[in-house]
Amino acid sequence: MIDWSGLMRAGIGGLRLRPAEFWALTPAELRLMLGIGAAVPPLSRARLEELAAAFPDGGGDGTGRSGGA
């Protein structure tokens, strides 16, 4: 069950959001603004290299595109 009244107090009262701003937020955005949840560590060079190897750029023309327009 979602504690809407508590979330509204935190968002509208605590964060001073206007109702339209509160209702336009995704749950993830609201959690971020309230400081709830685990922080995501920054991308390390080693992880970037792993991703680059797993998902190489295509095309070979320097644009990163695999062809087509």
C-alpha atoms as a PDB file:
ATOM      1  CA  MET A   1       0.000   0.000   0.000  1.00  0.00           C
ATOM      2  CA  ILE A   2       1.310   3.443  -0.925  1.00  0.00           C
ATOM      3  CA  ASP A   3       1.271   6.151   1.739  1.00  0.00           C
ATOM      4  CA  TRP A   4      -0.033   8.924  -0.527  1.00  0.00           C
ATOM      5  CA  SER A   5      -0.652  11.362   2.296  1.00  0.00           C
ATOM      6  CA  GLY A   6       2.919  10.907   3.548  1.00  0.00           C
ATOM      7  CA  LEU A   7       4.339  11.295   0.044  1.00  0.00           C
ATOM      8  CA  MET A   8       2.256  14.400  -0.547  1.00  0.00           C
ATOM      9  CA  ARG A   9       3.396  15.895   2.776  1.00  0.00           C
ATOM     10  CA  ALA A  10       7.027  15.189   1.828  1.00  0.00           C
ATOM     11  CA  GLY A  11       6.714  16.447  -1.751  1.00  0.00           C
ATOM     12  CA  ILE A  12       4.358  19.377  -1.376  1.00  0.00           C
ATOM     13  CA  GLY A  13       5.134  20.344   2.208  1.00  0.00           C
ATOM     14  CA  GLY A  14       8.781  19.368   2.546  1.00  0.00           C
ATOM     15  CA  LEU A  15      10.085  19.916  -0.963  1.00  0.00           C
ATOM     16  CA  ARG A  16       7.702  22.821  -1.647  1.00  0.00           C
ATOM     17  CA  LEU A  17       6.534  21.336  -4.939  1.00  0.00           C
ATOM     18  CA  ARG A  18       3.340  22.647  -6.477  1.00  0.00           C
ATOM     19  CA  PRO A  19       0.673  19.910  -6.797  1.00  0.00           C
ATOM     20  CA  ALA A  20       1.102  19.756 -10.582  1.00  0.00           C
ATOM     21  CA  GLU A  21       4.873  19.311 -10.155  1.00  0.00           C
ATOM     22  CA  PHE A  22       4.338  16.584  -7.544  1.00  0.00           C
ATOM     23  CA  TRP A  23       1.931  14.601  -9.724  1.00  0.00           C
ATOM     24  CA  ALA A  24       4.176  14.989 -12.802  1.00  0.00           C
ATOM     25  CA  LEU A  25       7.080  13.231 -11.060  1.00  0.00           C
ATOM     26  CA  THR A  26       7.812   9.572 -11.553  1.00  0.00           C
ATOM     27  CA  PRO A  27       8.264   7.518  -8.375  1.00  0.00           C
ATOM     28  CA  ALA A  28      11.998   7.300  -9.163  1.00  0.00           C
ATOM     29  CA  GLU A  29      12.280  11.087  -9.448  1.00  0.00           C
ATOM     30  CA  LEU A  30      10.440  11.587  -6.167  1.00  0.00           C
ATOM     31  CA  ARG A  31      12.686   9.052  -4.429  1.00  0.00           C
ATOM     32  CA  LEU A  32      15.758  10.839  -5.782  1.00  0.00           C
ATOM     33  CA  MET A  33      14.514  14.230  -4.608  1.00  0.00           C
ATOM     34  CA  LEU A  34      13.739  12.827  -1.157  1.00  0.00           C
ATOM     35  CA  GLY A  35      17.140  11.110  -0.930  1.00  0.00           C
ATOM     36  CA  ILE A  36      15.622   7.641  -0.678  1.00  0.00           C
ATOM     37  CA  GLY A  37      17.346   4.607  -2.123  1.00  0.00           C
ATOM     38  CA  ALA A  38      20.834   3.393  -2.791  1.00  0.00           C
ATOM     39  CA  ALA A  39      23.267   5.642  -4.576  1.00  0.00           C
ATOM     40  CA  VAL A  40      24.555   4.413  -7.909  1.00  0.00           C
ATOM     41  CA  PRO A  41      28.354   4.330  -8.018  1.00  0.00           C
ATOM     42  CA  PRO A  42      30.050   6.259 -10.823  1.00  0.00           C
ATOM     43  CA  LEU A  43      31.030   4.401 -13.971  1.00  0.00           C
ATOM     44  CA  SER A  44      34.615   3.169 -13.656  1.00  0.00           C
ATOM     45  CA  ARG A  45      37.071   3.021 -16.539  1.00  0.00           C
ATOM     46  CA  ALA A  46      37.168  -0.785 -16.258  1.00  0.00           C
ATOM     47  CA  ARG A  47      33.363  -1.020 -16.522  1.00  0.00           C
ATOM     48  CA  LEU A  48      33.362   1.412 -19.453  1.00  0.00           C
ATOM     49  CA  GLU A  49      35.904  -0.779 -21.246  1.00  0.00           C
ATOM     50  CA  GLU A  50      33.778  -3.881 -20.560  1.00  0.00           C
ATOM     51  CA  LEU A  51      30.748  -2.154 -22.049  1.00  0.00           C
ATOM     52  CA  ALA A  52      32.720  -0.895 -25.055  1.00  0.00           C
ATOM     53  CA  ALA A  53      33.939  -4.442 -25.735  1.00  0.00           C
ATOM     54  CA  ALA A  54      30.454  -5.900 -25.347  1.00  0.00           C
ATOM     55  CA  PHE A  55      28.785  -3.205 -27.467  1.00  0.00           C
ATOM     56  CA  PRO A  56      31.309  -1.941 -30.023  1.00  0.00           C
ATOM     57  CA  ASP A  57      30.544   1.017 -32.249  1.00  0.00           C
ATOM     58  CA  GLY A  58      29.750  -0.021 -35.799  1.00  0.00           C
ATOM     59  CA  GLY A  59      30.364   1.416 -39.217  1.00  0.00           C
ATOM     60  CA  GLY A  60      34.037   2.292 -38.935  1.00  0.00           C
ATOM     61  CA  ASP A  61      33.359   5.811 -40.258  1.00  0.00           C
ATOM     62  CA  GLY A  62      33.973   7.480 -36.907  1.00  0.00           C
ATOM     63  CA  THR A  63      30.330   8.426 -36.374  1.00  0.00           C
ATOM     64  CA  GLY A  64      29.386   5.410 -34.273  1.00  0.00           C
ATOM     65  CA  ARG A  65      26.556   4.618 -36.681  1.00  0.00           C
ATOM     66  CA  SER A  66      26.268   1.210 -38.277  1.00  0.00           C
ATOM     67  CA  GLY A  67      25.109   2.496 -41.624  1.00  0.00           C
ATOM     68  CA  GLY A  68      22.018   3.848 -43.270  1.00  0.00           C
ATOM     69  CA  ALA A  69      20.784   7.400 -43.165  1.00  0.00           C
END
